[in-house]
């Protein structure tokens, strides 16, 4: 459910979701066993759950909020960061316009 939700918000342009929104989505989901669901936000970010999700999801903890990212999005952001950093650190290349 969390992965599907993150794909949905990703299609709308967001790379992550705050835990509160993930949790609300879980509660709003029309599951047939909803009456038996006793999940709290704190449990959602507790070690057993985070460990279970770790193959597909990353929990990013911030000072004031926690976020879920898809691991594939985290890796894509790392690639972009590494590429931009490499380009910024290399020497400038002269362009045809600069040579005139």
PDB file of N, CA and C in Angstrom:
ATOM      1  N   UNK A   1       0.816  -1.194   0.000  1.00  0.00           N
ATOM      2  CA  UNK A   1       0.000   0.000   0.000  1.00  0.00           C
ATOM      3  C   UNK A   1       0.864   1.263   0.000  1.00  0.00           C
ATOM      4  N   UNK A   2       1.920   1.239   0.779  1.00  0.00           N
ATOM      5  CA  UNK A   2       2.788   2.421   0.856  1.00  0.00           C
ATOM      6  C   UNK A   2       3.479   2.652  -0.478  1.00  0.00           C
ATOM      7  N   UNK A   3       3.963   1.588  -1.091  1.00  0.00           N
ATOM      8  CA  UNK A   3       4.647   1.718  -2.377  1.00  0.00           C
ATOM      9  C   UNK A   3       3.684   2.261  -3.429  1.00  0.00           C
ATOM     10  N   UNK A   4       2.482   1.720  -3.495  1.00  0.00           N
ATOM     11  CA  UNK A   4       1.482   2.226  -4.440  1.00  0.00           C
ATOM     12  C   UNK A   4       1.185   3.701  -4.186  1.00  0.00           C
ATOM     13  N   UNK A   5       1.073   4.055  -2.916  1.00  0.00           N
ATOM     14  CA  UNK A   5       0.815   5.455  -2.579  1.00  0.00           C
ATOM     15  C   UNK A   5       1.964   6.350  -3.039  1.00  0.00           C
ATOM     16  N   UNK A   6       3.197   5.910  -2.825  1.00  0.00           N
ATOM     17  CA  UNK A   6       4.355   6.721  -3.245  1.00  0.00           C
ATOM     18  C   UNK A   6       4.423   6.848  -4.764  1.00  0.00           C
ATOM     19  N   UNK A   7       4.046   5.811  -5.495  1.00  0.00           N
ATOM     20  CA  UNK A   7       3.968   5.931  -6.957  1.00  0.00           C
ATOM     21  C   UNK A   7       2.895   6.941  -7.359  1.00  0.00           C
ATOM     22  N   UNK A   8       1.785   6.948  -6.641  1.00  0.00           N
ATOM     23  CA  UNK A   8       0.707   7.890  -6.935  1.00  0.00           C
ATOM     24  C   UNK A   8       1.162   9.326  -6.711  1.00  0.00           C
ATOM     25  N   UNK A   9       1.778   9.603  -5.569  1.00  0.00           N
ATOM     26  CA  UNK A   9       2.243  10.974  -5.319  1.00  0.00           C
ATOM     27  C   UNK A   9       3.409  11.313  -6.242  1.00  0.00           C
ATOM     28  N   UNK A  10       4.181  10.292  -6.631  1.00  0.00           N
ATOM     29  CA  UNK A  10       5.270  10.519  -7.581  1.00  0.00           C
ATOM     30  C   UNK A  10       4.749  10.950  -8.938  1.00  0.00           C
ATOM     31  N   UNK A  11       3.642  10.380  -9.357  1.00  0.00           N
ATOM     32  CA  UNK A  11       3.034  10.762 -10.636  1.00  0.00           C
ATOM     33  C   UNK A  11       2.531  12.206 -10.597  1.00  0.00           C
ATOM     34  N   UNK A  12       2.310  12.711  -9.393  1.00  0.00           N
ATOM     35  CA  UNK A  12       1.872  14.097  -9.216  1.00  0.00           C
ATOM     36  C   UNK A  12       3.044  15.046  -9.009  1.00  0.00           C
ATOM     37  N   UNK A  13       4.270  14.502  -9.047  1.00  0.00           N
ATOM     38  CA  UNK A  13       5.455  15.344  -8.972  1.00  0.00           C
ATOM     39  C   UNK A  13       6.205  15.330  -7.657  1.00  0.00           C
ATOM     40  N   UNK A  14       5.751  14.566  -6.675  1.00  0.00           N
ATOM     41  CA  UNK A  14       6.446  14.508  -5.385  1.00  0.00           C
ATOM     42  C   UNK A  14       7.365  13.294  -5.341  1.00  0.00           C
ATOM     43  N   UNK A  15       8.550  13.476  -4.773  1.00  0.00           N
ATOM     44  CA  UNK A  15       9.527  12.390  -4.690  1.00  0.00           C
ATOM     45  C   UNK A  15       9.435  11.616  -3.385  1.00  0.00           C
ATOM     46  N   UNK A  16       8.653  12.086  -2.469  1.00  0.00           N
ATOM     47  CA  UNK A  16       8.560  11.481  -1.139  1.00  0.00           C
ATOM     48  C   UNK A  16       7.209  11.834  -0.544  1.00  0.00           C
ATOM     49  N   UNK A  17       6.941  11.289   0.620  1.00  0.00           N
ATOM     50  CA  UNK A  17       5.732  11.662   1.344  1.00  0.00           C
ATOM     51  C   UNK A  17       6.023  11.662   2.837  1.00  0.00           C
ATOM     52  N   UNK A  18       5.453  12.625   3.522  1.00  0.00           N
ATOM     53  CA  UNK A  18       5.603  12.664   4.976  1.00  0.00           C
ATOM     54  C   UNK A  18       4.829  11.502   5.584  1.00  0.00           C
ATOM     55  N   UNK A  19       5.296  11.035   6.722  1.00  0.00           N
ATOM     56  CA  UNK A  19       4.686   9.881   7.390  1.00  0.00           C
ATOM     57  C   UNK A  19       3.201  10.111   7.652  1.00  0.00           C
ATOM     58  N   UNK A  20       2.839  11.312   8.032  1.00  0.00           N
ATOM     59  CA  UNK A  20       1.436  11.601   8.336  1.00  0.00           C
ATOM     60  C   UNK A  20       0.539  11.321   7.132  1.00  0.00           C
ATOM     61  N   UNK A  21       0.989  11.712   5.931  1.00  0.00           N
ATOM     62  CA  UNK A  21       0.191  11.473   4.728  1.00  0.00           C
ATOM     63  C   UNK A  21       0.137   9.988   4.376  1.00  0.00           C
ATOM     64  N   UNK A  22       1.252   9.287   4.557  1.00  0.00           N
ATOM     65  CA  UNK A  22       1.270   7.841   4.325  1.00  0.00           C
ATOM     66  C   UNK A  22       0.295   7.153   5.270  1.00  0.00           C
ATOM     67  N   UNK A  23       0.367   7.526   6.526  1.00  0.00           N
ATOM     68  CA  UNK A  23      -0.508   6.931   7.542  1.00  0.00           C
ATOM     69  C   UNK A  23      -1.982   7.214   7.231  1.00  0.00           C
ATOM     70  N   UNK A  24      -2.291   8.459   6.869  1.00  0.00           N
ATOM     71  CA  UNK A  24      -3.673   8.804   6.528  1.00  0.00           C
ATOM     72  C   UNK A  24      -4.162   7.996   5.328  1.00  0.00           C
ATOM     73  N   UNK A  25      -3.285   7.784   4.360  1.00  0.00           N
ATOM     74  CA  UNK A  25      -3.651   6.983   3.196  1.00  0.00           C
ATOM     75  C   UNK A  25      -3.961   5.543   3.593  1.00  0.00           C
ATOM     76  N   UNK A  26      -3.178   4.999   4.510  1.00  0.00           N
ATOM     77  CA  UNK A  26      -3.435   3.639   4.993  1.00  0.00           C
ATOM     78  C   UNK A  26      -4.803   3.573   5.658  1.00  0.00           C
ATOM     79  N   UNK A  27      -5.098   4.549   6.491  1.00  0.00           N
ATOM     80  CA  UNK A  27      -6.384   4.555   7.196  1.00  0.00           C
ATOM     81  C   UNK A  27      -7.561   4.760   6.241  1.00  0.00           C
ATOM     82  N   UNK A  28      -7.342   5.513   5.164  1.00  0.00           N
ATOM     83  CA  UNK A  28      -8.409   5.784   4.204  1.00  0.00           C
ATOM     84  C   UNK A  28      -8.605   4.645   3.201  1.00  0.00           C
ATOM     85  N   UNK A  29      -7.667   3.709   3.159  1.00  0.00           N
ATOM     86  CA  UNK A  29      -7.740   2.613   2.201  1.00  0.00           C
ATOM     87  C   UNK A  29      -8.866   1.656   2.586  1.00  0.00           C
ATOM     88  N   UNK A  30      -9.721   1.300   1.622  1.00  0.00           N
ATOM     89  CA  UNK A  30     -10.868   0.434   1.940  1.00  0.00           C
ATOM     90  C   UNK A  30     -10.484  -1.049   2.054  1.00  0.00           C
ATOM     91  N   UNK A  31      -9.742  -1.370   3.080  1.00  0.00           N
ATOM     92  CA  UNK A  31      -9.328  -2.752   3.296  1.00  0.00           C
ATOM     93  C   UNK A  31     -10.427  -3.552   3.964  1.00  0.00           C
ATOM     94  N   UNK A  32     -10.520  -4.800   3.594  1.00  0.00           N
ATOM     95  CA  UNK A  32     -11.569  -5.619   4.200  1.00  0.00           C
ATOM     96  C   UNK A  32     -11.284  -5.937   5.665  1.00  0.00           C
ATOM     97  N   UNK A  33     -10.038  -5.842   6.089  1.00  0.00           N
ATOM     98  CA  UNK A  33      -9.693  -6.127   7.488  1.00  0.00           C
ATOM     99  C   UNK A  33      -9.437  -4.853   8.286  1.00  0.00           C
ATOM    100  N   UNK A  34      -9.955  -3.751   7.810  1.00  0.00           N
ATOM    101  CA  UNK A  34      -9.702  -2.456   8.423  1.00  0.00           C
ATOM    102  C   UNK A  34     -10.060  -2.414   9.911  1.00  0.00           C
ATOM    103  N   UNK A  35     -11.102  -3.100  10.297  1.00  0.00           N
ATOM    104  CA  UNK A  35     -11.503  -3.091  11.705  1.00  0.00           C
ATOM    105  C   UNK A  35     -10.435  -3.692  12.602  1.00  0.00           C
ATOM    106  N   UNK A  36      -9.633  -4.574  12.036  1.00  0.00           N
ATOM    107  CA  UNK A  36      -8.592  -5.243  12.813  1.00  0.00           C
ATOM    108  C   UNK A  36      -7.255  -4.510  12.770  1.00  0.00           C
ATOM    109  N   UNK A  37      -7.162  -3.495  11.953  1.00  0.00           N
ATOM    110  CA  UNK A  37      -5.914  -2.745  11.810  1.00  0.00           C
ATOM    111  C   UNK A  37      -5.709  -1.844  13.025  1.00  0.00           C
ATOM    112  N   UNK A  38      -4.648  -2.095  13.731  1.00  0.00           N
ATOM    113  CA  UNK A  38      -4.344  -1.313  14.935  1.00  0.00           C
ATOM    114  C   UNK A  38      -2.941  -0.704  14.797  1.00  0.00           C
ATOM    115  N   UNK A  39      -2.720  -0.041  13.715  1.00  0.00           N
ATOM    116  CA  UNK A  39      -1.412   0.526  13.408  1.00  0.00           C
ATOM    117  C   UNK A  39      -1.383   2.004  13.779  1.00  0.00           C
ATOM    118  N   UNK A  40      -0.344   2.406  14.498  1.00  0.00           N
ATOM    119  CA  UNK A  40      -0.161   3.821  14.821  1.00  0.00           C
ATOM    120  C   UNK A  40       0.967   4.386  13.965  1.00  0.00           C
ATOM    121  N   UNK A  41       1.036   5.708  13.895  1.00  0.00           N
ATOM    122  CA  UNK A  41       2.133   6.351  13.147  1.00  0.00           C
ATOM    123  C   UNK A  41       3.481   5.956  13.727  1.00  0.00           C
ATOM    124  N   UNK A  42       3.567   5.879  15.040  1.00  0.00           N
ATOM    125  CA  UNK A  42       4.830   5.503  15.677  1.00  0.00           C
ATOM    126  C   UNK A  42       5.252   4.085  15.300  1.00  0.00           C
ATOM    127  N   UNK A  43       4.284   3.179  15.218  1.00  0.00           N
ATOM    128  CA  UNK A  43       4.614   1.814  14.806  1.00  0.00           C
ATOM    129  C   UNK A  43       5.108   1.787  13.361  1.00  0.00           C
ATOM    130  N   UNK A  44       4.521   2.618  12.529  1.00  0.00           N
ATOM    131  CA  UNK A  44       4.878   2.656  11.117  1.00  0.00           C
ATOM    132  C   UNK A  44       6.355   2.987  10.910  1.00  0.00           C
ATOM    133  N   UNK A  45       6.916   3.768  11.814  1.00  0.00           N
ATOM    134  CA  UNK A  45       8.333   4.133  11.681  1.00  0.00           C
ATOM    135  C   UNK A  45       9.211   3.423  12.710  1.00  0.00           C
ATOM    136  N   UNK A  46       8.671   2.383  13.355  1.00  0.00           N
ATOM    137  CA  UNK A  46       9.459   1.623  14.318  1.00  0.00           C
ATOM    138  C   UNK A  46      10.353   0.620  13.587  1.00  0.00           C
ATOM    139  N   UNK A  47      11.377   0.133  14.280  1.00  0.00           N
ATOM    140  CA  UNK A  47      12.399  -0.714  13.669  1.00  0.00           C
ATOM    141  C   UNK A  47      11.862  -1.928  12.916  1.00  0.00           C
ATOM    142  N   UNK A  48      10.941  -2.700  13.485  1.00  0.00           N
ATOM    143  CA  UNK A  48      10.494  -3.885  12.729  1.00  0.00           C
ATOM    144  C   UNK A  48       9.840  -3.531  11.392  1.00  0.00           C
ATOM    145  N   UNK A  49       9.052  -2.463  11.375  1.00  0.00           N
ATOM    146  CA  UNK A  49       8.392  -2.062  10.137  1.00  0.00           C
ATOM    147  C   UNK A  49       9.404  -1.504   9.147  1.00  0.00           C
ATOM    148  N   UNK A  50      10.276  -0.630   9.604  1.00  0.00           N
ATOM    149  CA  UNK A  50      11.279  -0.031   8.721  1.00  0.00           C
ATOM    150  C   UNK A  50      12.184  -1.117   8.150  1.00  0.00           C
ATOM    151  N   UNK A  51      12.555  -2.075   8.958  1.00  0.00           N
ATOM    152  CA  UNK A  51      13.384  -3.184   8.479  1.00  0.00           C
ATOM    153  C   UNK A  51      12.645  -3.980   7.407  1.00  0.00           C
ATOM    154  N   UNK A  52      11.368  -4.222   7.636  1.00  0.00           N
ATOM    155  CA  UNK A  52      10.555  -4.956   6.668  1.00  0.00           C
ATOM    156  C   UNK A  52      10.469  -4.200   5.338  1.00  0.00           C
ATOM    157  N   UNK A  53      10.344  -2.881   5.393  1.00  0.00           N
ATOM    158  CA  UNK A  53      10.202  -2.057   4.200  1.00  0.00           C
ATOM    159  C   UNK A  53      11.521  -1.780   3.490  1.00  0.00           C
ATOM    160  N   UNK A  54      12.643  -2.035   4.132  1.00  0.00           N
ATOM    161  CA  UNK A  54      13.940  -1.536   3.669  1.00  0.00           C
ATOM    162  C   UNK A  54      14.340  -1.978   2.256  1.00  0.00           C
ATOM    163  N   UNK A  55      13.800  -3.062   1.742  1.00  0.00           N
ATOM    164  CA  UNK A  55      14.132  -3.474   0.376  1.00  0.00           C
ATOM    165  C   UNK A  55      13.578  -2.516  -0.663  1.00  0.00           C
ATOM    166  N   UNK A  56      12.492  -1.860  -0.345  1.00  0.00           N
ATOM    167  CA  UNK A  56      11.829  -0.979  -1.312  1.00  0.00           C
ATOM    168  C   UNK A  56      11.731   0.470  -0.875  1.00  0.00           C
ATOM    169  N   UNK A  57      11.778   0.707   0.445  1.00  0.00           N
ATOM    170  CA  UNK A  57      11.534   2.047   0.959  1.00  0.00           C
ATOM    171  C   UNK A  57      12.671   2.527   1.844  1.00  0.00           C
ATOM    172  N   UNK A  58      12.852   3.837   1.836  1.00  0.00           N
ATOM    173  CA  UNK A  58      13.818   4.460   2.738  1.00  0.00           C
ATOM    174  C   UNK A  58      13.057   5.402   3.661  1.00  0.00           C
ATOM    175  N   UNK A  59      13.368   5.328   4.928  1.00  0.00           N
ATOM    176  CA  UNK A  59      12.819   6.267   5.899  1.00  0.00           C
ATOM    177  C   UNK A  59      13.866   7.344   6.108  1.00  0.00           C
ATOM    178  N   UNK A  60      13.508   8.564   5.792  1.00  0.00           N
ATOM    179  CA  UNK A  60      14.411   9.696   5.974  1.00  0.00           C
ATOM    180  C   UNK A  60      13.911  10.480   7.176  1.00  0.00           C
ATOM    181  N   UNK A  61      14.755  10.534   8.195  1.00  0.00           N
ATOM    182  CA  UNK A  61      14.372  11.218   9.423  1.00  0.00           C
ATOM    183  C   UNK A  61      14.943  12.626   9.416  1.00  0.00           C
ATOM    184  N   UNK A  62      14.086  13.575   9.652  1.00  0.00           N
ATOM    185  CA  UNK A  62      14.460  14.967   9.721  1.00  0.00           C
ATOM    186  C   UNK A  62      14.233  15.425  11.148  1.00  0.00           C
ATOM    187  N   UNK A  63      14.696  16.609  11.493  1.00  0.00           N
ATOM    188  CA  UNK A  63      14.529  17.102  12.860  1.00  0.00           C
ATOM    189  C   UNK A  63      13.064  17.188  13.264  1.00  0.00           C
ATOM    190  N   UNK A  64      12.213  17.601  12.333  1.00  0.00           N
ATOM    191  CA  UNK A  64      10.811  17.824  12.697  1.00  0.00           C
ATOM    192  C   UNK A  64       9.834  16.841  12.050  1.00  0.00           C
ATOM    193  N   UNK A  65      10.243  16.144  10.983  1.00  0.00           N
ATOM    194  CA  UNK A  65       9.330  15.234  10.296  1.00  0.00           C
ATOM    195  C   UNK A  65      10.097  14.036   9.757  1.00  0.00           C
ATOM    196  N   UNK A  66       9.351  12.980   9.486  1.00  0.00           N
ATOM    197  CA  UNK A  66       9.908  11.785   8.857  1.00  0.00           C
ATOM    198  C   UNK A  66       9.234  11.589   7.508  1.00  0.00           C
ATOM    199  N   UNK A  67       9.996  11.041   6.556  1.00  0.00           N
ATOM    200  CA  UNK A  67       9.517  10.881   5.197  1.00  0.00           C
ATOM    201  C   UNK A  67       9.796   9.466   4.705  1.00  0.00           C
ATOM    202  N   UNK A  68       8.911   8.969   3.838  1.00  0.00           N
ATOM    203  CA  UNK A  68       9.172   7.736   3.113  1.00  0.00           C
ATOM    204  C   UNK A  68       9.532   8.089   1.679  1.00  0.00           C
ATOM    205  N   UNK A  69      10.589   7.479   1.189  1.00  0.00           N
ATOM    206  CA  UNK A  69      11.010   7.577  -0.205  1.00  0.00           C
ATOM    207  C   UNK A  69      11.040   6.162  -0.776  1.00  0.00           C
ATOM    208  N   UNK A  70      10.792   6.035  -2.059  1.00  0.00           N
ATOM    209  CA  UNK A  70      11.094   4.786  -2.739  1.00  0.00           C
ATOM    210  C   UNK A  70      12.608   4.715  -2.890  1.00  0.00           C
ATOM    211  N   UNK A  71      13.203   3.555  -2.673  1.00  0.00           N
ATOM    212  CA  UNK A  71      14.654   3.425  -2.813  1.00  0.00           C
ATOM    213  C   UNK A  71      15.127   3.833  -4.199  1.00  0.00           C
ATOM    214  N   UNK A  72      14.335   3.536  -5.225  1.00  0.00           N
ATOM    215  CA  UNK A  72      14.731   3.900  -6.584  1.00  0.00           C
ATOM    216  C   UNK A  72      14.806   5.422  -6.755  1.00  0.00           C
ATOM    217  N   UNK A  73      13.976   6.155  -6.034  1.00  0.00           N
ATOM    218  CA  UNK A  73      14.007   7.616  -6.096  1.00  0.00           C
ATOM    219  C   UNK A  73      15.233   8.140  -5.343  1.00  0.00           C
ATOM    220  N   UNK A  74      15.528   7.537  -4.197  1.00  0.00           N
ATOM    221  CA  UNK A  74      16.726   7.930  -3.438  1.00  0.00           C
ATOM    222  C   UNK A  74      17.963   7.747  -4.318  1.00  0.00           C
ATOM    223  N   UNK A  75      18.045   6.597  -4.996  1.00  0.00           N
ATOM    224  CA  UNK A  75      19.208   6.333  -5.854  1.00  0.00           C
ATOM    225  C   UNK A  75      19.264   7.317  -7.024  1.00  0.00           C
ATOM    226  N   UNK A  76      18.127   7.622  -7.625  1.00  0.00           N
ATOM    227  CA  UNK A  76      18.098   8.586  -8.733  1.00  0.00           C
ATOM    228  C   UNK A  76      18.569   9.958  -8.265  1.00  0.00           C
ATOM    229  N   UNK A  77      18.142  10.371  -7.076  1.00  0.00           N
ATOM    230  CA  UNK A  77      18.593  11.652  -6.534  1.00  0.00           C
ATOM    231  C   UNK A  77      20.102  11.642  -6.274  1.00  0.00           C
ATOM    232  N   UNK A  78      20.628  10.511  -5.814  1.00  0.00           N
ATOM    233  CA  UNK A  78      22.068  10.390  -5.594  1.00  0.00           C
ATOM    234  C   UNK A  78      22.830  10.529  -6.912  1.00  0.00           C
ATOM    235  N   UNK A  79      22.323   9.910  -7.975  1.00  0.00           N
ATOM    236  CA  UNK A  79      22.976   9.999  -9.289  1.00  0.00           C
ATOM    237  C   UNK A  79      22.980  11.438  -9.786  1.00  0.00           C
ATOM    238  N   UNK A  80      21.861  12.119  -9.653  1.00  0.00           N
ATOM    239  CA  UNK A  80      21.784  13.525 -10.083  1.00  0.00           C
ATOM    240  C   UNK A  80      22.753  14.372  -9.266  1.00  0.00           C
ATOM    241  N   UNK A  81      22.779  14.167  -7.938  1.00  0.00           N
ATOM    242  CA  UNK A  81      23.677  14.931  -7.060  1.00  0.00           C
ATOM    243  C   UNK A  81      25.138  14.704  -7.451  1.00  0.00           C
ATOM    244  N   UNK A  82      25.507  13.431  -7.664  1.00  0.00           N
ATOM    245  CA  UNK A  82      26.889  13.100  -8.031  1.00  0.00           C
ATOM    246  C   UNK A  82      27.256  13.710  -9.385  1.00  0.00           C
ATOM    247  N   UNK A  83      26.337  13.667 -10.335  1.00  0.00           N
ATOM    248  CA  UNK A  83      26.601  14.218 -11.669  1.00  0.00           C
ATOM    249  C   UNK A  83      26.787  15.726 -11.615  1.00  0.00           C
ATOM    250  N   UNK A  84      25.897  16.412 -10.931  1.00  0.00           N
ATOM    251  CA  UNK A  84      25.992  17.871 -10.829  1.00  0.00           C
ATOM    252  C   UNK A  84      27.267  18.263 -10.089  1.00  0.00           C
ATOM    253  N   UNK A  85      27.591  17.567  -9.019  1.00  0.00           N
ATOM    254  CA  UNK A  85      28.813  17.861  -8.266  1.00  0.00           C
ATOM    255  C   UNK A  85      30.043  17.671  -9.147  1.00  0.00           C
ATOM    256  N   UNK A  86      30.077  16.587  -9.907  1.00  0.00           N
ATOM    257  CA  UNK A  86      31.208  16.330 -10.814  1.00  0.00           C
ATOM    258  C   UNK A  86      31.322  17.430 -11.855  1.00  0.00           C
ATOM    259  N   UNK A  87      30.220  17.846 -12.427  1.00  0.00           N
ATOM    260  CA  UNK A  87      30.246  18.909 -13.440  1.00  0.00           C
ATOM    261  C   UNK A  87      30.693  20.244 -12.845  1.00  0.00           C
ATOM    262  N   UNK A  88      30.273  20.535 -11.625  1.00  0.00           N
ATOM    263  CA  UNK A  88      30.658  21.794 -10.993  1.00  0.00           C
ATOM    264  C   UNK A  88      32.134  21.828 -10.607  1.00  0.00           C
ATOM    265  N   UNK A  89      32.690  20.654 -10.309  1.00  0.00           N
ATOM    266  CA  UNK A  89      34.082  20.592  -9.858  1.00  0.00           C
ATOM    267  C   UNK A  89      35.092  20.556 -10.997  1.00  0.00           C
ATOM    268  N   UNK A  90      34.671  20.238 -12.186  1.00  0.00           N
ATOM    269  CA  UNK A  90      35.630  20.156 -13.295  1.00  0.00           C
ATOM    270  C   UNK A  90      35.903  21.540 -13.867  1.00  0.00           C
ATOM    271  N   UNK A  91      36.987  21.629 -14.624  1.00  0.00           N
ATOM    272  CA  UNK A  91      37.355  22.909 -15.226  1.00  0.00           C
ATOM    273  C   UNK A  91      36.342  23.291 -16.298  1.00  0.00           C
ATOM    274  N   UNK A  92      36.192  24.613 -16.495  1.00  0.00           N
ATOM    275  CA  UNK A  92      35.292  25.091 -17.534  1.00  0.00           C
ATOM    276  C   UNK A  92      35.839  24.705 -18.902  1.00  0.00           C
ATOM    277  N   UNK A  93      34.953  24.421 -19.809  1.00  0.00           N
ATOM    278  CA  UNK A  93      35.326  24.101 -21.178  1.00  0.00           C
ATOM    279  C   UNK A  93      35.046  25.338 -22.038  1.00  0.00           C
ATOM    280  N   UNK A  94      35.983  25.714 -22.877  1.00  0.00           N
ATOM    281  CA  UNK A  94      35.710  26.860 -23.754  1.00  0.00           C
ATOM    282  C   UNK A  94      34.632  26.466 -24.772  1.00  0.00           C
ATOM    283  N   UNK A  95      33.780  27.408 -25.067  1.00  0.00           N
ATOM    284  CA  UNK A  95      32.733  27.167 -26.063  1.00  0.00           C
ATOM    285  C   UNK A  95      33.071  27.913 -27.340  1.00  0.00           C
ATOM    286  N   UNK A  96      32.419  27.565 -28.423  1.00  0.00           N
ATOM    287  CA  UNK A  96      32.663  28.251 -29.687  1.00  0.00           C
ATOM    288  C   UNK A  96      32.375  29.731 -29.556  1.00  0.00           C
ATOM    289  N   UNK A  97      31.364  30.100 -28.831  1.00  0.00           N
ATOM    290  CA  UNK A  97      31.014  31.500 -28.649  1.00  0.00           C
ATOM    291  C   UNK A  97      32.114  32.226 -27.858  1.00  0.00           C
ATOM    292  N   UNK A  98      32.702  31.559 -26.857  1.00  0.00           N
ATOM    293  CA  UNK A  98      33.734  32.176 -26.041  1.00  0.00           C
ATOM    294  C   UNK A  98      35.033  32.369 -26.825  1.00  0.00           C
ATOM    295  N   UNK A  99      35.241  31.571 -27.849  1.00  0.00           N
ATOM    296  CA  UNK A  99      36.484  31.659 -28.640  1.00  0.00           C
ATOM    297  C   UNK A  99      36.448  32.815 -29.629  1.00  0.00           C
ATOM    298  N   UNK A 100      35.293  33.335 -29.970  1.00  0.00           N
ATOM    299  CA  UNK A 100      35.190  34.428 -30.978  1.00  0.00           C
ATOM    300  C   UNK A 100      35.590  35.740 -30.411  1.00  0.00           C
TER     301      UNK A 100
END
